[in-house]
PDB file of N, CA and C in Angstrom:
ATOM      1  N   MET A   1      18.011 -17.663 -89.518  1.00  0.00           N
ATOM      2  CA  MET A   1      18.550 -18.045 -88.231  1.00  0.00           C
ATOM      3  C   MET A   1      19.858 -17.301 -88.010  1.00  0.00           C
ATOM      4  N   GLN A   2      20.048 -16.791 -86.797  1.00  0.00           N
ATOM      5  CA  GLN A   2      21.271 -16.086 -86.450  1.00  0.00           C
ATOM      6  C   GLN A   2      21.961 -16.769 -85.276  1.00  0.00           C
ATOM      7  N   ILE A   3      23.268 -16.922 -85.407  1.00  0.00           N
ATOM      8  CA  ILE A   3      24.105 -17.471 -84.349  1.00  0.00           C
ATOM      9  C   ILE A   3      25.208 -16.457 -84.084  1.00  0.00           C
ATOM     10  N   SER A   4      25.423 -16.107 -82.826  1.00  0.00           N
ATOM     11  CA  SER A   4      26.517 -15.207 -82.458  1.00  0.00           C
ATOM     12  C   SER A   4      27.713 -16.038 -82.023  1.00  0.00           C
ATOM     13  N   VAL A   5      28.894 -15.578 -82.398  1.00  0.00           N
ATOM     14  CA  VAL A   5      30.128 -16.259 -82.006  1.00  0.00           C
ATOM     15  C   VAL A   5      31.008 -15.239 -81.310  1.00  0.00           C
ATOM     16  N   ARG A   6      31.510 -15.601 -80.133  1.00  0.00           N
ATOM     17  CA  ARG A   6      32.391 -14.714 -79.367  1.00  0.00           C
ATOM     18  C   ARG A   6      33.817 -15.252 -79.424  1.00  0.00           C
ATOM     19  N   PHE A   7      34.747 -14.332 -79.640  1.00  0.00           N
ATOM     20  CA  PHE A   7      36.158 -14.681 -79.782  1.00  0.00           C
ATOM     21  C   PHE A   7      36.951 -14.090 -78.614  1.00  0.00           C
ATOM     22  N   PHE A   8      38.003 -14.797 -78.214  1.00  0.00           N
ATOM     23  CA  PHE A   8      38.837 -14.354 -77.100  1.00  0.00           C
ATOM     24  C   PHE A   8      40.316 -14.446 -77.472  1.00  0.00           C
ATOM     25  N   THR A   9      41.132 -13.676 -76.823  1.00  0.00           N
ATOM     26  CA  THR A   9      42.598 -13.609 -76.918  1.00  0.00           C
ATOM     27  C   THR A   9      43.094 -13.668 -78.362  1.00  0.00           C
ATOM     28  N   ILE A  10      43.934 -14.640 -78.685  1.00  0.00           N
ATOM     29  CA  ILE A  10      44.579 -14.717 -79.993  1.00  0.00           C
ATOM     30  C   ILE A  10      43.553 -14.781 -81.120  1.00  0.00           C
ATOM     31  N   LEU A  11      42.491 -15.521 -80.904  1.00  0.00           N
ATOM     32  CA  LEU A  11      41.470 -15.656 -81.938  1.00  0.00           C
ATOM     33  C   LEU A  11      40.810 -14.301 -82.219  1.00  0.00           C
ATOM     34  N   ARG A  12      40.650 -13.509 -81.203  1.00  0.00           N
ATOM     35  CA  ARG A  12      40.098 -12.155 -81.374  1.00  0.00           C
ATOM     36  C   ARG A  12      41.016 -11.325 -82.267  1.00  0.00           C
ATOM     37  N   GLU A  13      42.319 -11.502 -82.089  1.00  0.00           N
ATOM     38  CA  GLU A  13      43.284 -10.790 -82.935  1.00  0.00           C
ATOM     39  C   GLU A  13      43.224 -11.288 -84.375  1.00  0.00           C
ATOM     40  N   ILE A  14      43.039 -12.584 -84.558  1.00  0.00           N
ATOM     41  CA  ILE A  14      42.983 -13.172 -85.899  1.00  0.00           C
ATOM     42  C   ILE A  14      41.788 -12.639 -86.682  1.00  0.00           C
ATOM     43  N   VAL A  15      40.628 -12.603 -86.043  1.00  0.00           N
ATOM     44  CA  VAL A  15      39.414 -12.187 -86.758  1.00  0.00           C
ATOM     45  C   VAL A  15      39.193 -10.670 -86.703  1.00  0.00           C
ATOM     46  N   GLY A  16      39.851 -10.001 -85.765  1.00  0.00           N
ATOM     47  CA  GLY A  16      39.754  -8.547 -85.684  1.00  0.00           C
ATOM     48  C   GLY A  16      38.481  -8.030 -85.032  1.00  0.00           C
ATOM     49  N   LYS A  17      37.810  -8.874 -84.267  1.00  0.00           N
ATOM     50  CA  LYS A  17      36.602  -8.432 -83.561  1.00  0.00           C
ATOM     51  C   LYS A  17      36.315  -9.330 -82.378  1.00  0.00           C
ATOM     52  N   LYS A  18      35.443  -8.853 -81.489  1.00  0.00           N
ATOM     53  CA  LYS A  18      35.064  -9.612 -80.295  1.00  0.00           C
ATOM     54  C   LYS A  18      33.936 -10.590 -80.580  1.00  0.00           C
ATOM     55  N   GLU A  19      33.075 -10.226 -81.525  1.00  0.00           N
ATOM     56  CA  GLU A  19      31.879 -11.038 -81.776  1.00  0.00           C
ATOM     57  C   GLU A  19      31.487 -10.953 -83.240  1.00  0.00           C
ATOM     58  N   GLU A  20      30.909 -12.026 -83.727  1.00  0.00           N
ATOM     59  CA  GLU A  20      30.444 -12.124 -85.112  1.00  0.00           C
ATOM     60  C   GLU A  20      29.044 -12.718 -85.093  1.00  0.00           C
ATOM     61  N   THR A  21      28.160 -12.201 -85.912  1.00  0.00           N
ATOM     62  CA  THR A  21      26.833 -12.790 -86.057  1.00  0.00           C
ATOM     63  C   THR A  21      26.760 -13.451 -87.426  1.00  0.00           C
ATOM     64  N   LEU A  22      26.500 -14.757 -87.405  1.00  0.00           N
ATOM     65  CA  LEU A  22      26.387 -15.522 -88.646  1.00  0.00           C
ATOM     66  C   LEU A  22      24.920 -15.757 -88.948  1.00  0.00           C
ATOM     67  N   ARG A  23      24.589 -15.737 -90.221  1.00  0.00           N
ATOM     68  CA  ARG A  23      23.213 -15.992 -90.644  1.00  0.00           C
ATOM     69  C   ARG A  23      23.160 -17.269 -91.475  1.00  0.00           C
ATOM     70  N   PHE A  24      22.162 -18.068 -91.193  1.00  0.00           N
ATOM     71  CA  PHE A  24      21.934 -19.320 -91.901  1.00  0.00           C
ATOM     72  C   PHE A  24      20.478 -19.339 -92.358  1.00  0.00           C
ATOM     73  N   SER A  25      20.197 -20.104 -93.399  1.00  0.00           N
ATOM     74  CA  SER A  25      18.800 -20.207 -93.844  1.00  0.00           C
ATOM     75  C   SER A  25      17.992 -20.921 -92.768  1.00  0.00           C
ATOM     76  N   SER A  26      16.727 -20.560 -92.651  1.00  0.00           N
ATOM     77  CA  SER A  26      15.889 -21.076 -91.565  1.00  0.00           C
ATOM     78  C   SER A  26      15.631 -22.575 -91.675  1.00  0.00           C
ATOM     79  N   ASN A  27      15.766 -23.150 -92.857  1.00  0.00           N
ATOM     80  CA  ASN A  27      15.516 -24.587 -93.003  1.00  0.00           C
ATOM     81  C   ASN A  27      16.795 -25.419 -92.894  1.00  0.00           C
ATOM     82  N   GLN A  28      17.919 -24.784 -92.618  1.00  0.00           N
ATOM     83  CA  GLN A  28      19.205 -25.459 -92.526  1.00  0.00           C
ATOM     84  C   GLN A  28      19.463 -25.938 -91.105  1.00  0.00           C
ATOM     85  N   LYS A  29      19.943 -27.185 -90.965  1.00  0.00           N
ATOM     86  CA  LYS A  29      20.371 -27.680 -89.653  1.00  0.00           C
ATOM     87  C   LYS A  29      21.743 -27.063 -89.367  1.00  0.00           C
ATOM     88  N   VAL A  30      21.834 -26.340 -88.264  1.00  0.00           N
ATOM     89  CA  VAL A  30      23.078 -25.658 -87.919  1.00  0.00           C
ATOM     90  C   VAL A  30      23.680 -26.324 -86.692  1.00  0.00           C
ATOM     91  N   THR A  31      24.944 -26.721 -86.814  1.00  0.00           N
ATOM     92  CA  THR A  31      25.673 -27.339 -85.710  1.00  0.00           C
ATOM     93  C   THR A  31      26.893 -26.481 -85.376  1.00  0.00           C
ATOM     94  N   VAL A  32      27.531 -26.784 -84.261  1.00  0.00           N
ATOM     95  CA  VAL A  32      28.761 -26.086 -83.900  1.00  0.00           C
ATOM     96  C   VAL A  32      29.790 -26.300 -85.016  1.00  0.00           C
ATOM     97  N   ASN A  33      29.834 -27.505 -85.553  1.00  0.00           N
ATOM     98  CA  ASN A  33      30.770 -27.821 -86.626  1.00  0.00           C
ATOM     99  C   ASN A  33      30.510 -26.961 -87.865  1.00  0.00           C
ATOM    100  N   SER A  34      29.251 -26.757 -88.226  1.00  0.00           N
ATOM    101  CA  SER A  34      28.962 -25.933 -89.405  1.00  0.00           C
ATOM    102  C   SER A  34      29.301 -24.463 -89.151  1.00  0.00           C
ATOM    103  N   VAL A  35      29.163 -24.004 -87.911  1.00  0.00           N
ATOM    104  CA  VAL A  35      29.570 -22.642 -87.556  1.00  0.00           C
ATOM    105  C   VAL A  35      31.079 -22.489 -87.727  1.00  0.00           C
ATOM    106  N   LEU A  36      31.845 -23.468 -87.224  1.00  0.00           N
ATOM    107  CA  LEU A  36      33.301 -23.403 -87.363  1.00  0.00           C
ATOM    108  C   LEU A  36      33.707 -23.458 -88.835  1.00  0.00           C
ATOM    109  N   GLY A  37      33.000 -24.257 -89.617  1.00  0.00           N
ATOM    110  CA  GLY A  37      33.284 -24.339 -91.048  1.00  0.00           C
ATOM    111  C   GLY A  37      33.048 -23.012 -91.748  1.00  0.00           C
ATOM    112  N   LYS A  38      31.955 -22.359 -91.422  1.00  0.00           N
ATOM    113  CA  LYS A  38      31.643 -21.060 -92.034  1.00  0.00           C
ATOM    114  C   LYS A  38      32.687 -20.018 -91.632  1.00  0.00           C
ATOM    115  N   LEU A  39      33.093 -20.037 -90.365  1.00  0.00           N
ATOM    116  CA  LEU A  39      34.124 -19.102 -89.905  1.00  0.00           C
ATOM    117  C   LEU A  39      35.459 -19.381 -90.597  1.00  0.00           C
ATOM    118  N   SER A  40      35.766 -20.651 -90.823  1.00  0.00           N
ATOM    119  CA  SER A  40      37.011 -21.020 -91.515  1.00  0.00           C
ATOM    120  C   SER A  40      37.029 -20.471 -92.933  1.00  0.00           C
ATOM    121  N   GLU A  41      35.892 -20.555 -93.618  1.00  0.00           N
ATOM    122  CA  GLU A  41      35.792 -20.007 -94.972  1.00  0.00           C
ATOM    123  C   GLU A  41      35.971 -18.487 -94.941  1.00  0.00           C
ATOM    124  N   GLN A  42      35.365 -17.874 -93.977  1.00  0.00           N
ATOM    125  CA  GLN A  42      35.372 -16.419 -93.886  1.00  0.00           C
ATOM    126  C   GLN A  42      36.730 -15.855 -93.496  1.00  0.00           C
ATOM    127  N   TYR A  43      37.422 -16.508 -92.541  1.00  0.00           N
ATOM    128  CA  TYR A  43      38.661 -15.944 -92.005  1.00  0.00           C
ATOM    129  C   TYR A  43      39.932 -16.644 -92.481  1.00  0.00           C
ATOM    130  N   GLY A  44      39.804 -17.725 -93.206  1.00  0.00           N
ATOM    131  CA  GLY A  44      40.940 -18.314 -93.896  1.00  0.00           C
ATOM    132  C   GLY A  44      41.936 -19.111 -93.078  1.00  0.00           C
ATOM    133  N   LYS A  45      43.134 -19.168 -93.649  1.00  0.00           N
ATOM    134  CA  LYS A  45      44.193 -20.056 -93.178  1.00  0.00           C
ATOM    135  C   LYS A  45      44.565 -19.855 -91.705  1.00  0.00           C
ATOM    136  N   GLU A  46      44.762 -18.630 -91.296  1.00  0.00           N
ATOM    137  CA  GLU A  46      45.206 -18.377 -89.910  1.00  0.00           C
ATOM    138  C   GLU A  46      44.155 -18.876 -88.906  1.00  0.00           C
ATOM    139  N   PHE A  47      42.890 -18.652 -89.219  1.00  0.00           N
ATOM    140  CA  PHE A  47      41.807 -19.140 -88.357  1.00  0.00           C
ATOM    141  C   PHE A  47      41.833 -20.669 -88.315  1.00  0.00           C
ATOM    142  N   ARG A  48      41.894 -21.309 -89.478  1.00  0.00           N
ATOM    143  CA  ARG A  48      41.903 -22.785 -89.545  1.00  0.00           C
ATOM    144  C   ARG A  48      43.082 -23.365 -88.766  1.00  0.00           C
ATOM    145  N   GLU A  49      44.249 -22.755 -88.906  1.00  0.00           N
ATOM    146  CA  GLU A  49      45.435 -23.266 -88.210  1.00  0.00           C
ATOM    147  C   GLU A  49      45.306 -23.143 -86.698  1.00  0.00           C
ATOM    148  N   TYR A  50      44.586 -22.135 -86.233  1.00  0.00           N
ATOM    149  CA  TYR A  50      44.393 -21.969 -84.796  1.00  0.00           C
ATOM    150  C   TYR A  50      43.357 -22.960 -84.266  1.00  0.00           C
ATOM    151  N   ILE A  51      42.311 -23.234 -85.030  1.00  0.00           N
ATOM    152  CA  ILE A  51      41.207 -24.073 -84.579  1.00  0.00           C
ATOM    153  C   ILE A  51      41.458 -25.563 -84.789  1.00  0.00           C
ATOM    154  N   TYR A  52      41.996 -25.932 -85.948  1.00  0.00           N
ATOM    155  CA  TYR A  52      42.088 -27.349 -86.321  1.00  0.00           C
ATOM    156  C   TYR A  52      43.505 -27.895 -86.232  1.00  0.00           C
ATOM    157  N   ASP A  53      43.603 -29.139 -85.781  1.00  0.00           N
ATOM    158  CA  ASP A  53      44.864 -29.863 -85.732  1.00  0.00           C
ATOM    159  C   ASP A  53      45.240 -30.254 -87.165  1.00  0.00           C
ATOM    160  N   SER A  54      46.428 -29.886 -87.596  1.00  0.00           N
ATOM    161  CA  SER A  54      46.834 -30.158 -88.983  1.00  0.00           C
ATOM    162  C   SER A  54      47.032 -31.645 -89.259  1.00  0.00           C
ATOM    163  N   LYS A  55      47.243 -32.443 -88.221  1.00  0.00           N
ATOM    164  CA  LYS A  55      47.483 -33.883 -88.417  1.00  0.00           C
ATOM    165  C   LYS A  55      46.197 -34.658 -88.625  1.00  0.00           C
ATOM    166  N   ASN A  56      45.152 -34.324 -87.867  1.00  0.00           N
ATOM    167  CA  ASN A  56      43.925 -35.120 -87.961  1.00  0.00           C
ATOM    168  C   ASN A  56      42.692 -34.315 -88.383  1.00  0.00           C
ATOM    169  N   GLY A  57      42.837 -32.998 -88.528  1.00  0.00           N
ATOM    170  CA  GLY A  57      41.735 -32.161 -88.983  1.00  0.00           C
ATOM    171  C   GLY A  57      40.656 -31.906 -87.946  1.00  0.00           C
ATOM    172  N   GLU A  58      40.871 -32.370 -86.719  1.00  0.00           N
ATOM    173  CA  GLU A  58      39.888 -32.168 -85.659  1.00  0.00           C
ATOM    174  C   GLU A  58      40.165 -30.864 -84.912  1.00  0.00           C
ATOM    175  N   VAL A  59      39.138 -30.370 -84.224  1.00  0.00           N
ATOM    176  CA  VAL A  59      39.313 -29.167 -83.415  1.00  0.00           C
ATOM    177  C   VAL A  59      40.346 -29.470 -82.333  1.00  0.00           C
ATOM    178  N   LYS A  60      41.261 -28.547 -82.149  1.00  0.00           N
ATOM    179  CA  LYS A  60      42.337 -28.752 -81.177  1.00  0.00           C
ATOM    180  C   LYS A  60      41.762 -28.962 -79.780  1.00  0.00           C
ATOM    181  N   GLY A  61      42.340 -29.907 -79.070  1.00  0.00           N
ATOM    182  CA  GLY A  61      41.847 -30.310 -77.760  1.00  0.00           C
ATOM    183  C   GLY A  61      41.935 -29.244 -76.690  1.00  0.00           C
ATOM    184  N   PHE A  62      42.827 -28.267 -76.861  1.00  0.00           N
ATOM    185  CA  PHE A  62      42.975 -27.248 -75.817  1.00  0.00           C
ATOM    186  C   PHE A  62      41.881 -26.190 -75.860  1.00  0.00           C
ATOM    187  N   LEU A  63      41.110 -26.138 -76.947  1.00  0.00           N
ATOM    188  CA  LEU A  63      40.037 -25.145 -77.048  1.00  0.00           C
ATOM    189  C   LEU A  63      38.793 -25.626 -76.323  1.00  0.00           C
ATOM    190  N   GLN A  64      38.131 -24.715 -75.676  1.00  0.00           N
ATOM    191  CA  GLN A  64      36.859 -25.034 -75.039  1.00  0.00           C
ATOM    192  C   GLN A  64      35.766 -24.294 -75.798  1.00  0.00           C
ATOM    193  N   LEU A  65      34.731 -25.037 -76.177  1.00  0.00           N
ATOM    194  CA  LEU A  65      33.613 -24.461 -76.907  1.00  0.00           C
ATOM    195  C   LEU A  65      32.386 -24.460 -76.011  1.00  0.00           C
ATOM    196  N   LEU A  66      31.764 -23.295 -75.896  1.00  0.00           N
ATOM    197  CA  LEU A  66      30.567 -23.154 -75.079  1.00  0.00           C
ATOM    198  C   LEU A  66      29.401 -22.741 -75.959  1.00  0.00           C
ATOM    199  N   VAL A  67      28.225 -23.247 -75.626  1.00  0.00           N
ATOM    200  CA  VAL A  67      26.992 -22.809 -76.277  1.00  0.00           C
ATOM    201  C   VAL A  67      26.107 -22.246 -75.179  1.00  0.00           C
ATOM    202  N   ASN A  68      25.804 -20.976 -75.297  1.00  0.00           N
ATOM    203  CA  ASN A  68      25.003 -20.273 -74.287  1.00  0.00           C
ATOM    204  C   ASN A  68      25.596 -20.436 -72.884  1.00  0.00           C
ATOM    205  N   GLY A  69      26.927 -20.399 -72.803  1.00  0.00           N
ATOM    206  CA  GLY A  69      27.617 -20.462 -71.524  1.00  0.00           C
ATOM    207  C   GLY A  69      27.838 -21.851 -70.966  1.00  0.00           C
ATOM    208  N   ARG A  70      27.420 -22.879 -71.697  1.00  0.00           N
ATOM    209  CA  ARG A  70      27.588 -24.250 -71.213  1.00  0.00           C
ATOM    210  C   ARG A  70      28.511 -25.023 -72.146  1.00  0.00           C
ATOM    211  N   SER A  71      29.377 -25.842 -71.550  1.00  0.00           N
ATOM    212  CA  SER A  71      30.257 -26.681 -72.359  1.00  0.00           C
ATOM    213  C   SER A  71      29.435 -27.606 -73.232  1.00  0.00           C
ATOM    214  N   LEU A  72      29.978 -27.908 -74.389  1.00  0.00           N
ATOM    215  CA  LEU A  72      29.290 -28.838 -75.286  1.00  0.00           C
ATOM    216  C   LEU A  72      29.114 -30.181 -74.601  1.00  0.00           C
ATOM    217  N   SER A  73      27.989 -30.818 -74.870  1.00  0.00           N
ATOM    218  CA  SER A  73      27.763 -32.138 -74.273  1.00  0.00           C
ATOM    219  C   SER A  73      28.754 -33.121 -74.881  1.00  0.00           C
ATOM    220  N   LYS A  74      29.221 -34.023 -74.071  1.00  0.00           N
ATOM    221  CA  LYS A  74      30.188 -35.025 -74.531  1.00  0.00           C
ATOM    222  C   LYS A  74      29.585 -35.919 -75.614  1.00  0.00           C
ATOM    223  N   SER A  75      28.291 -36.169 -75.525  1.00  0.00           N
ATOM    224  CA  SER A  75      27.666 -37.091 -76.466  1.00  0.00           C
ATOM    225  C   SER A  75      27.582 -36.524 -77.881  1.00  0.00           C
ATOM    226  N   GLU A  76      27.229 -35.249 -78.016  1.00  0.00           N
ATOM    227  CA  GLU A  76      27.055 -34.689 -79.350  1.00  0.00           C
ATOM    228  C   GLU A  76      28.214 -33.794 -79.786  1.00  0.00           C
ATOM    229  N   GLY A  77      28.867 -33.136 -78.855  1.00  0.00           N
ATOM    230  CA  GLY A  77      30.027 -32.311 -79.173  1.00  0.00           C
ATOM    231  C   GLY A  77      29.800 -31.360 -80.322  1.00  0.00           C
ATOM    232  N   LEU A  78      30.652 -31.446 -81.343  1.00  0.00           N
ATOM    233  CA  LEU A  78      30.595 -30.534 -82.474  1.00  0.00           C
ATOM    234  C   LEU A  78      29.341 -30.700 -83.313  1.00  0.00           C
ATOM    235  N   ASN A  79      28.651 -31.819 -83.145  1.00  0.00           N
ATOM    236  CA  ASN A  79      27.408 -32.045 -83.879  1.00  0.00           C
ATOM    237  C   ASN A  79      26.187 -31.534 -83.127  1.00  0.00           C
ATOM    238  N   SER A  80      26.411 -30.844 -82.000  1.00  0.00           N
ATOM    239  CA  SER A  80      25.302 -30.266 -81.245  1.00  0.00           C
ATOM    240  C   SER A  80      24.549 -29.288 -82.133  1.00  0.00           C
ATOM    241  N   GLU A  81      23.236 -29.486 -82.226  1.00  0.00           N
ATOM    242  CA  GLU A  81      22.419 -28.623 -83.058  1.00  0.00           C
ATOM    243  C   GLU A  81      22.144 -27.303 -82.341  1.00  0.00           C
ATOM    244  N   LEU A  82      22.229 -26.222 -83.075  1.00  0.00           N
ATOM    245  CA  LEU A  82      22.025 -24.892 -82.524  1.00  0.00           C
ATOM    246  C   LEU A  82      20.656 -24.348 -82.914  1.00  0.00           C
ATOM    247  N   SER A  83      20.171 -23.418 -82.109  1.00  0.00           N
ATOM    248  CA  SER A  83      18.887 -22.762 -82.355  1.00  0.00           C
ATOM    249  C   SER A  83      19.115 -21.282 -82.611  1.00  0.00           C
ATOM    250  N   ASP A  84      18.131 -20.643 -83.229  1.00  0.00           N
ATOM    251  CA  ASP A  84      18.200 -19.224 -83.507  1.00  0.00           C
ATOM    252  C   ASP A  84      18.509 -18.456 -82.222  1.00  0.00           C
ATOM    253  N   GLY A  85      19.499 -17.574 -82.291  1.00  0.00           N
ATOM    254  CA  GLY A  85      19.855 -16.748 -81.142  1.00  0.00           C
ATOM    255  C   GLY A  85      20.906 -17.343 -80.225  1.00  0.00           C
ATOM    256  N   ASP A  86      21.329 -18.580 -80.477  1.00  0.00           N
ATOM    257  CA  ASP A  86      22.359 -19.185 -79.633  1.00  0.00           C
ATOM    258  C   ASP A  86      23.674 -18.410 -79.749  1.00  0.00           C
ATOM    259  N   VAL A  87      24.479 -18.520 -78.685  1.00  0.00           N
ATOM    260  CA  VAL A  87      25.785 -17.865 -78.647  1.00  0.00           C
ATOM    261  C   VAL A  87      26.848 -18.939 -78.442  1.00  0.00           C
ATOM    262  N   VAL A  88      27.797 -18.983 -79.374  1.00  0.00           N
ATOM    263  CA  VAL A  88      28.920 -19.916 -79.292  1.00  0.00           C
ATOM    264  C   VAL A  88      30.147 -19.112 -78.885  1.00  0.00           C
ATOM    265  N   ALA A  89      30.861 -19.582 -77.863  1.00  0.00           N
ATOM    266  CA  ALA A  89      32.104 -18.942 -77.434  1.00  0.00           C
ATOM    267  C   ALA A  89      33.244 -19.916 -77.654  1.00  0.00           C
ATOM    268  N   ILE A  90      34.328 -19.411 -78.220  1.00  0.00           N
ATOM    269  CA  ILE A  90      35.530 -20.221 -78.442  1.00  0.00           C
ATOM    270  C   ILE A  90      36.586 -19.707 -77.481  1.00  0.00           C
ATOM    271  N   LEU A  91      36.912 -20.541 -76.488  1.00  0.00           N
ATOM    272  CA  LEU A  91      37.820 -20.115 -75.423  1.00  0.00           C
ATOM    273  C   LEU A  91      39.175 -20.822 -75.526  1.00  0.00           C
ATOM    274  N   PRO A  92      40.245 -20.072 -75.342  1.00  0.00           N
ATOM    275  CA  PRO A  92      41.578 -20.663 -75.321  1.00  0.00           C
ATOM    276  C   PRO A  92      41.806 -21.335 -73.969  1.00  0.00           C
ATOM    277  N   PRO A  93      42.929 -22.047 -73.843  1.00  0.00           N
ATOM    278  CA  PRO A  93      43.232 -22.624 -72.527  1.00  0.00           C
ATOM    279  C   PRO A  93      43.439 -21.527 -71.499  1.00  0.00           C
ATOM    280  N   VAL A  94      43.103 -21.833 -70.275  1.00  0.00           N
ATOM    281  CA  VAL A  94      43.244 -20.868 -69.190  1.00  0.00           C
ATOM    282  C   VAL A  94      44.464 -21.240 -68.374  1.00  0.00           C
ATOM    283  N   SER A  95      45.298 -20.254 -68.112  1.00  0.00           N
ATOM    284  CA  SER A  95      46.457 -20.489 -67.260  1.00  0.00           C
ATOM    285  C   SER A  95      46.430 -19.490 -66.124  1.00  0.00           C
ATOM    286  N   GLY A  96      47.064 -19.830 -65.081  1.00  0.00           N
ATOM    287  CA  GLY A  96      47.055 -18.933 -63.936  1.00  0.00           C
ATOM    288  C   GLY A  96      48.341 -19.077 -63.152  1.00  0.00           C
ATOM    289  N   GLY A  97      48.371 -18.378 -62.084  1.00  0.00           N
ATOM    290  CA  GLY A  97      49.588 -18.509 -61.311  1.00  0.00           C
ATOM    291  C   GLY A  97      49.640 -17.546 -60.181  1.00  0.00           C
TER     292      GLY A  97
END
């Protein structure tokens, strides 16, 4: 199973690329949370500090996570199960003016 992850702004600088393709065994249940965990192992401390709140260990509230261009459902959130070929995007807050 392959999942693509797209990075933007600061996170793109942290990982050094625009997109990453992760591979998982075909019998493994893959969730958004497991994708973030694998990326944390791969990219280390700076990635974890950007994604996770140091006080509670949860994904920081200002980040928006999309699966195939759609926001995660409120009911399943990080436990949303992914399918082969899905694309996860990690978006920073948007500001304008």
